[in-house]
Amino acid sequence: MITAQDVKKKEMKTQEQKARSTLIADYEERGRKYGAKLDEMKAKFGAKKAEANADYQKGIVEMQVKIKAVQEKLDELRASGEDKWHHFKADLERLWDDVEVTFKRLVH
């Protein structure tokens, strides 16, 4: 016999699964957008002077490394149990804040 508590647990689990999926999709989309921005910037500034271009290229590489760290954390999240996604949320937010700060520094 299914109790009200069983139904509530199932609803909570479904909500957790949706939240986890939404978190993953959100950070994947952010990564795609920033990747596209970086590609545009590489193309736009490719013709700059060699000296300025070297600093710029260094910034782009730094951004790529940071975006890769986010992607690796997302891979860990996907591989983890559904009940552990909360542990990854704070790490993802911290990593993404770092991506955004680096990007702002790069474009200014």
Foldseek 3Di string as FASTA:
>chain_A
DQDPVNVVVVVVLVVLVVVLVVLLVVLVVVLVVVVVVLVVVCVVCVPPDPVVVVVLVVLSVVLVVLSVVLVVLSVVSVVDDSVCSVVSPVVNVVSVVVSVVSVVVSVD
